[in-house]
């Protein structure tokens, strides 16, 4: 199969991994209204085509919270990446390093923070959920500092877990195991079974000693309900700011008032995100929220964009509306599931090429100078 888009990688991923895993990456919460809005609203933005502009030289490089990148892109924190390919987080971090983009590791990763950090030469970011047990959260922050992570990404929009119907319908157990209900589905995917199901890493590496002894889907959901803290307030964010001396990024911002509060607390950046449509169904799309948040912050801290990014053209749209850079989550998991590390490298090449071509055809030569004038009113 000739792969020319993230959509092609998605098709391959659907064939390679069990249905439960595919829908974990691909789906959203409730009726998936916000999931669809993320894509619909991005696709509705038209470009302003320009001609007779010298675009023979382009600059795609930028910096995000002081980190030099070859293009304004990072791999978002995604749980369970190590179930899409053996040692998936390590493969993703290495591909990101090879292509000069950022990589953020999830708290809910399969490979541990220490394993991923040791596998690459450049510092990674670490994403944190605040647990009820603040001692455990403090331990994770200390581990991130010890692993030389260059930024801490605090996710704020998972104080309670959204209802993801496809995950319940198709079933998902941690660690994955063969049951009567999924044995046929798994049998159709011998490559995944051989390399992942029987691999040495089959649970959450960062939560060693914290999970129940036999965590199936119900037990995992119960564990999340008891560990993730619905009582988190801005005072807790201030506590994290005091604990973490490095760059702090707050993820899950959709409202200008929250963005201003994040800036007051001392966040170095915010991520405009609705958790990929996996939390509050019926929330606005991230691209529709982005301009208001960028205006509210007025360059006082950096604005990153997450939600629905499937191409270099989507990156271009977000940059035009005020983002400093973009994060890819679903696209990363599709690529990882399809071909492992080489698949992630291919995905990053595709996005870079699409971004460069879009810049050329709109008369842009520098990603740091893309603004709303490149869009058609």
Protein backbone atom coordinates (compact mmCIF):
# COMPACT_ATOMS: atom_id res chain seq x y z
CA UNK A 1 0.00 0.00 0.00
CA UNK A 2 1.30 3.44 -0.95
CA UNK A 3 0.93 5.70 2.07
CA UNK A 4 0.33 9.36 1.27
CA UNK A 5 -1.68 10.60 4.25
CA UNK A 6 -2.51 10.12 7.91
CA UNK A 7 -5.78 8.61 6.67
CA UNK A 8 -3.81 5.82 4.99
CA UNK A 9 -2.01 5.09 8.25
CA UNK A 10 -5.37 5.03 10.05
CA UNK A 11 -6.64 2.39 7.62
CA UNK A 12 -3.58 0.23 8.25
CA UNK A 13 -3.89 0.68 12.00
CA UNK A 14 -7.51 -0.48 11.89
CA UNK A 15 -6.42 -3.74 10.30
CA UNK A 16 -3.44 -4.35 12.54
CA UNK A 17 -4.62 -3.81 16.13
CA UNK A 18 -7.62 -5.27 18.00
CA UNK A 19 -10.87 -3.35 17.74
CA UNK A 20 -10.76 -2.25 21.36
CA UNK A 21 -7.41 -0.55 20.87
CA UNK A 22 -8.34 1.01 17.55
CA UNK A 23 -11.48 2.56 18.99
CA UNK A 24 -9.59 3.74 22.07
CA UNK A 25 -7.45 5.84 19.72
CA UNK A 26 -10.10 6.69 17.17
CA UNK A 27 -13.20 7.38 19.23
CA UNK A 28 -14.65 10.06 21.44
CA UNK A 29 -17.12 10.34 24.29
CA UNK A 30 -20.90 9.97 24.25
CA UNK A 31 -22.25 10.71 20.73
CA UNK A 32 -18.87 12.01 19.49
CA UNK A 33 -20.29 15.43 18.63
CA UNK A 34 -17.14 17.26 19.72
CA UNK A 35 -14.92 14.68 18.02
CA UNK A 36 -16.65 15.46 14.70
CA UNK A 37 -16.60 19.21 15.36
CA UNK A 38 -12.83 19.15 15.72
CA UNK A 39 -12.48 17.90 12.16
CA UNK A 40 -15.44 19.72 10.61
CA UNK A 41 -14.38 23.14 11.87
CA UNK A 42 -10.79 22.67 10.77
CA UNK A 43 -11.85 21.59 7.30
CA UNK A 44 -14.17 24.60 6.98
CA UNK A 45 -11.24 27.04 7.11
CA UNK A 46 -10.20 28.12 3.63
CA UNK A 47 -6.81 29.36 2.51
CA UNK A 48 -5.98 32.51 0.61
CA UNK A 49 -4.02 31.41 -2.44
CA UNK A 50 -1.24 33.76 -3.53
CA UNK A 51 0.97 33.75 -6.65
CA UNK A 52 4.16 35.36 -7.92
CA UNK A 53 5.82 35.20 -4.50
CA UNK A 54 9.36 33.87 -4.13
CA UNK A 55 8.96 30.78 -1.93
CA UNK A 56 12.19 29.06 -2.95
CA UNK A 57 13.46 29.27 0.62
CA UNK A 58 11.31 28.27 3.56
CA UNK A 59 11.88 28.27 7.31
CA UNK A 60 9.80 25.67 9.14
CA UNK A 61 11.89 25.69 12.31
CA UNK A 62 10.71 27.35 15.49
CA UNK A 63 11.04 27.22 19.26
CA UNK A 64 8.38 26.16 21.75
CA UNK A 65 8.93 27.07 25.42
CA UNK A 66 12.56 27.58 24.51
CA UNK A 67 13.01 24.21 22.79
CA UNK A 68 14.27 24.38 19.18
CA UNK A 69 12.15 22.29 16.80
CA UNK A 70 12.47 21.53 13.10
CA UNK A 71 8.78 22.40 12.67
CA UNK A 72 6.00 23.55 15.04
CA UNK A 73 4.88 20.06 16.03
CA UNK A 74 5.00 17.76 19.04
CA UNK A 75 3.73 14.27 19.74
CA UNK A 76 0.98 14.58 22.32
CA UNK A 77 0.80 12.49 25.50
CA UNK A 78 -1.24 9.39 24.65
CA UNK A 79 -2.07 6.60 27.04
CA UNK A 80 -1.43 2.96 26.09
CA UNK A 81 0.94 3.75 23.20
CA UNK A 82 2.98 0.68 24.13
CA UNK A 83 -0.03 -1.49 23.26
CA UNK A 84 -0.08 -0.26 19.66
CA UNK A 85 3.50 -1.39 19.06
CA UNK A 86 5.97 -3.06 21.35
CA UNK A 87 7.80 -0.36 23.33
CA UNK A 88 5.63 2.15 21.48
CA UNK A 89 6.54 5.17 23.60
CA UNK A 90 10.24 4.53 23.05
CA UNK A 91 9.65 4.13 19.31
CA UNK A 92 7.68 7.38 19.24
CA UNK A 93 10.28 9.33 21.21
CA UNK A 94 13.06 8.12 18.94
CA UNK A 95 11.12 9.03 15.80
CA UNK A 96 10.39 12.48 17.22
CA UNK A 97 14.06 13.00 18.02
CA UNK A 98 15.08 11.84 14.54
CA UNK A 99 12.73 14.36 12.93
CA UNK A 100 13.47 17.19 15.32
CA UNK A 101 10.04 17.52 16.90
CA UNK A 102 8.95 17.33 20.52
CA UNK A 103 7.67 14.31 22.41
CA UNK A 104 5.47 14.28 25.52
CA UNK A 105 5.07 11.09 27.56
CA UNK A 106 1.75 10.32 29.24
CA UNK A 107 1.37 9.37 32.88
CA UNK A 108 -0.62 6.40 31.50
CA UNK A 109 2.20 5.13 29.30
CA UNK A 110 3.22 1.49 29.08
CA UNK A 111 6.97 2.20 29.06
CA UNK A 112 8.02 4.07 32.15
CA UNK A 113 9.29 7.64 32.28
CA UNK A 114 12.79 6.44 33.11
CA UNK A 115 12.84 3.90 30.25
CA UNK A 116 11.77 6.44 27.63
CA UNK A 117 14.11 9.16 28.88
CA UNK A 118 17.05 6.76 28.81
CA UNK A 119 16.26 5.72 25.23
CA UNK A 120 16.77 9.17 23.69
CA UNK A 121 19.51 11.77 23.83
CA UNK A 122 17.30 14.86 24.09
CA UNK A 123 14.95 15.70 26.98
CA UNK A 124 11.29 14.78 26.64
CA UNK A 125 8.22 16.37 28.20
CA UNK A 126 6.16 14.57 30.84
CA UNK A 127 2.39 14.82 31.22
CA UNK A 128 0.90 14.70 34.71
CA UNK A 129 -2.57 13.98 36.09
CA UNK A 130 -3.13 15.18 39.63
CA UNK A 131 -4.01 12.21 41.83
CA UNK A 132 -5.92 12.30 45.10
CA UNK A 133 -2.70 11.07 46.66
CA UNK A 134 -0.62 14.23 46.41
CA UNK A 135 2.38 12.28 47.62
CA UNK A 136 2.19 10.14 44.48
CA UNK A 137 1.85 13.26 42.31
CA UNK A 138 4.86 14.76 44.05
CA UNK A 139 6.79 11.56 43.37
CA UNK A 140 5.94 11.74 39.67
CA UNK A 141 7.05 15.38 39.53
CA UNK A 142 10.33 14.46 41.22
CA UNK A 143 10.84 11.55 38.82
CA UNK A 144 10.29 13.87 35.85
CA UNK A 145 12.92 16.26 37.21
CA UNK A 146 15.33 13.38 37.86
CA UNK A 147 14.79 12.14 34.28
CA UNK A 148 15.74 15.61 33.01
CA UNK A 149 12.37 16.32 31.42
CA UNK A 150 12.38 19.79 29.91
CA UNK A 151 8.69 20.54 30.56
CA UNK A 152 5.82 19.32 32.69
CA UNK A 153 2.39 19.20 31.03
CA UNK A 154 -0.41 19.27 33.59
CA UNK A 155 -3.69 17.96 32.15
CA UNK A 156 -6.70 19.64 33.74
CA UNK A 157 -9.70 18.27 31.83
CA UNK A 158 -9.82 14.72 33.23
CA UNK A 159 -11.04 15.42 36.73
CA UNK A 160 -13.75 12.85 35.92
CA UNK A 161 -13.64 10.46 33.00
CA UNK A 162 -15.96 11.01 30.04
CA UNK A 163 -18.17 8.12 29.00
CA UNK A 164 -16.52 6.52 25.97
CA UNK A 165 -19.13 4.14 24.67
CA UNK A 166 -16.94 2.36 22.13
CA UNK A 167 -14.42 1.44 24.81
CA UNK A 168 -17.23 -0.14 26.82
CA UNK A 169 -18.71 -1.83 23.75
CA UNK A 170 -15.51 -3.44 22.52
CA UNK A 171 -13.85 -3.99 25.88
CA UNK A 172 -10.36 -3.09 27.02
CA UNK A 173 -8.36 -4.79 29.74
CA UNK A 174 -5.07 -3.82 31.33
CA UNK A 175 -2.99 -5.90 30.82
CA UNK A 176 -4.53 -7.19 27.57
CA UNK A 177 -5.60 -10.81 27.79
CA UNK A 178 -7.37 -13.37 25.67
CA UNK A 179 -11.05 -13.88 26.49
CA UNK A 180 -13.86 -15.67 24.72
CA UNK A 181 -15.15 -12.32 23.49
CA UNK A 182 -11.94 -11.12 21.84
CA UNK A 183 -10.04 -14.28 20.93
CA UNK A 184 -11.23 -14.29 17.30
CA UNK A 185 -10.47 -10.59 16.88
CA UNK A 186 -6.96 -11.08 18.27
CA UNK A 187 -6.42 -14.25 16.20
CA UNK A 188 -6.87 -12.20 13.03
CA UNK A 189 -3.90 -10.05 14.06
CA UNK A 190 -0.99 -12.45 14.64
CA UNK A 191 1.66 -9.73 14.30
CA UNK A 192 0.16 -7.69 17.12
CA UNK A 193 -0.36 -10.81 19.24
CA UNK A 194 3.24 -11.94 18.83
CA UNK A 195 4.90 -8.57 19.41
CA UNK A 196 2.61 -6.88 21.93
CA UNK A 197 0.31 -9.32 23.72
CA UNK A 198 3.26 -11.50 24.72
CA UNK A 199 5.71 -8.63 25.19
CA UNK A 200 7.42 -7.93 28.51
CA UNK A 201 5.70 -4.55 29.06
CA UNK A 202 1.98 -5.09 29.57
CA UNK A 203 0.88 -2.59 32.18
CA UNK A 204 1.36 1.09 33.07
CA UNK A 205 5.06 1.60 33.68
CA UNK A 206 4.65 4.81 35.68
CA UNK A 207 2.07 3.27 38.02
CA UNK A 208 4.03 0.24 39.17
CA UNK A 209 2.78 -0.83 42.57
CA UNK A 210 -0.28 1.44 42.36
CA UNK A 211 -2.65 -0.60 40.20
CA UNK A 212 -4.87 -3.40 41.56
CA UNK A 213 -3.49 -6.89 41.17
CA UNK A 214 -5.94 -7.89 38.40
CA UNK A 215 -7.08 -4.70 36.67
CA UNK A 216 -9.70 -5.43 34.03
CA UNK A 217 -11.71 -2.65 32.40
CA UNK A 218 -14.13 -2.24 35.31
CA UNK A 219 -11.34 -2.30 37.86
CA UNK A 220 -9.29 0.20 35.87
CA UNK A 221 -12.26 2.57 35.60
CA UNK A 222 -12.84 2.21 39.32
CA UNK A 223 -9.16 2.87 40.00
CA UNK A 224 -9.25 6.03 37.87
CA UNK A 225 -12.40 7.15 39.70
CA UNK A 226 -10.67 6.72 43.04
CA UNK A 227 -7.28 8.16 42.02
CA UNK A 228 -8.01 11.06 39.64
CA UNK A 229 -9.09 14.01 41.74
CA UNK A 230 -12.39 15.79 40.92
CA UNK A 231 -11.63 18.35 43.64
CA UNK A 232 -8.67 19.92 41.80
CA UNK A 233 -8.68 23.73 41.86
CA UNK A 234 -6.33 26.50 40.83
CA UNK A 235 -4.70 26.23 44.25
CA UNK A 236 -3.56 22.75 43.27
CA UNK A 237 -2.15 24.13 40.04
CA UNK A 238 -0.24 26.67 42.12
CA UNK A 239 1.08 23.76 44.21
CA UNK A 240 2.41 22.10 41.05
CA UNK A 241 3.98 25.38 39.93
CA UNK A 242 5.89 25.54 43.22
CA UNK A 243 6.96 21.90 43.01
CA UNK A 244 8.15 22.09 39.41
CA UNK A 245 11.02 24.45 38.66
CA UNK A 246 11.02 23.94 34.88
CA UNK A 247 8.66 24.89 32.09
CA UNK A 248 5.01 24.33 33.03
CA UNK A 249 2.32 23.80 30.39
CA UNK A 250 -1.39 23.54 31.21
CA UNK A 251 -3.43 21.29 28.90
CA UNK A 252 -7.20 21.26 28.50
CA UNK A 253 -7.83 25.00 28.17
CA UNK A 254 -10.94 25.95 26.16
CA UNK A 255 -12.04 29.18 27.82
CA UNK A 256 -10.30 32.58 27.76
CA UNK A 257 -10.92 33.08 31.49
CA UNK A 258 -9.11 29.83 32.26
CA UNK A 259 -6.30 30.87 29.93
CA UNK A 260 -5.84 34.15 31.79
CA UNK A 261 -5.83 32.32 35.12
CA UNK A 262 -3.18 29.93 33.83
CA UNK A 263 -1.04 32.88 32.83
CA UNK A 264 -1.45 34.53 36.25
CA UNK A 265 -0.26 31.35 37.96
CA UNK A 266 2.90 31.35 35.88
CA UNK A 267 2.27 28.79 33.14
CA UNK A 268 4.78 29.03 30.30
CA UNK A 269 2.24 27.77 27.78
CA UNK A 270 -1.32 26.49 27.51
CA UNK A 271 -2.66 23.77 25.24
CA UNK A 272 -6.02 24.55 23.70
CA UNK A 273 -7.52 21.07 23.95
CA UNK A 274 -10.78 19.19 24.46
CA UNK A 275 -8.97 15.89 25.01
CA UNK A 276 -9.53 14.91 21.39
CA UNK A 277 -13.30 14.93 21.90
CA UNK A 278 -12.94 12.24 24.56
CA UNK A 279 -14.21 14.17 27.57
CA UNK A 280 -17.01 16.79 27.42
CA UNK A 281 -19.09 15.88 24.41
CA UNK A 282 -20.86 18.98 23.13
CA UNK A 283 -17.88 21.22 23.92
CA UNK A 284 -16.68 23.60 21.23
CA UNK A 285 -14.05 22.50 18.76
CA UNK A 286 -10.52 23.49 19.66
CA UNK A 287 -10.00 25.49 16.45
CA UNK A 288 -13.06 27.63 17.23
CA UNK A 289 -11.76 28.27 20.76
CA UNK A 290 -8.20 29.04 19.67
CA UNK A 291 -8.53 32.66 18.44
CA UNK A 292 -10.29 33.84 21.62
CA UNK A 293 -7.66 32.27 23.83
CA UNK A 294 -4.79 33.66 21.76
CA UNK A 295 -6.37 37.12 21.98
CA UNK A 296 -6.90 36.83 25.74
CA UNK A 297 -3.26 35.92 26.34
CA UNK A 298 -1.86 38.44 23.85
CA UNK A 299 1.58 36.79 23.70
CA UNK A 300 1.94 36.75 27.50
CA UNK A 301 2.45 32.98 27.33
CA UNK A 302 2.64 30.56 24.43
CA UNK A 303 -0.47 28.95 22.96
CA UNK A 304 -0.33 25.39 21.66
CA UNK A 305 -3.10 23.59 19.79
CA UNK A 306 -4.44 20.06 20.09
CA UNK A 307 -7.50 18.33 18.69
CA UNK A 308 -8.19 16.94 15.22
CA UNK A 309 -4.80 17.65 13.64
CA UNK A 310 -4.46 15.19 10.76
CA UNK A 311 -2.28 17.07 8.27
CA UNK A 312 0.22 19.82 7.68
CA UNK A 313 -2.67 21.94 6.44
CA UNK A 314 -4.30 21.63 9.86
CA UNK A 315 -1.05 22.79 11.46
CA UNK A 316 -1.05 25.77 9.09
CA UNK A 317 -4.65 26.65 10.05
CA UNK A 318 -3.83 26.57 13.75
CA UNK A 319 -0.72 28.72 13.30
CA UNK A 320 -2.77 31.26 11.35
CA UNK A 321 -5.26 31.54 14.21
CA UNK A 322 -2.70 32.11 16.94
CA UNK A 323 -1.03 28.83 17.87
CA UNK A 324 2.72 28.61 18.38
CA UNK A 325 2.66 24.90 17.57
CA UNK A 326 0.48 21.80 17.42
CA UNK A 327 0.29 18.42 19.13
CA UNK A 328 -0.77 15.20 17.41
CA UNK A 329 -2.32 12.34 19.39
CA UNK A 330 -4.61 10.22 17.23
CA UNK A 331 -2.34 10.64 14.21
CA UNK A 332 0.60 9.42 16.29
CA UNK A 333 -1.25 6.30 17.44
CA UNK A 334 -2.42 5.49 13.90
CA UNK A 335 1.14 5.73 12.63
CA UNK A 336 2.54 3.72 15.53
CA UNK A 337 -0.05 0.97 15.14
CA UNK A 338 0.49 0.80 11.38
CA UNK A 339 4.29 0.56 11.24
CA UNK A 340 5.89 1.29 14.59
CA UNK A 341 8.70 3.82 14.75
CA UNK A 342 9.13 4.02 10.95
CA UNK A 343 5.40 4.71 10.70
CA UNK A 344 5.73 7.64 13.10
CA UNK A 345 8.69 8.99 11.11
CA UNK A 346 6.63 8.67 7.93
CA UNK A 347 3.71 10.52 9.52
CA UNK A 348 5.98 13.37 10.56
CA UNK A 349 7.43 13.54 7.02
CA UNK A 350 3.92 13.67 5.55
CA UNK A 351 2.85 16.49 7.85
CA UNK A 352 6.04 18.45 7.18
CA UNK A 353 5.62 18.12 3.40
CA UNK A 354 1.97 19.18 3.57
CA UNK A 355 2.84 22.18 5.71
CA UNK A 356 5.63 23.25 3.34
CA UNK A 357 3.44 22.97 0.24
CA UNK A 358 0.58 24.87 1.88
CA UNK A 359 2.98 27.61 2.91
CA UNK A 360 4.32 27.88 -0.64
CA UNK A 361 0.89 28.09 -2.26
CA UNK A 362 -0.21 30.81 0.16
CA UNK A 363 2.98 32.82 -0.31
CA UNK A 364 4.46 32.08 3.13
CA UNK A 365 8.13 31.46 3.76
CA UNK A 366 8.39 31.38 7.58
CA UNK A 367 6.16 29.48 10.00
CA UNK A 368 6.75 32.15 12.63
CA UNK A 369 5.14 34.78 10.40
CA UNK A 370 1.94 32.92 9.57
CA UNK A 371 -1.04 35.01 10.65
CA UNK A 372 -4.77 35.37 9.87
CA UNK A 373 -4.09 37.16 6.58
CA UNK A 374 -3.27 33.77 4.97
CA UNK A 375 -6.87 32.66 5.41
CA UNK A 376 -9.81 33.50 3.19
CA UNK A 377 -12.38 35.65 4.95
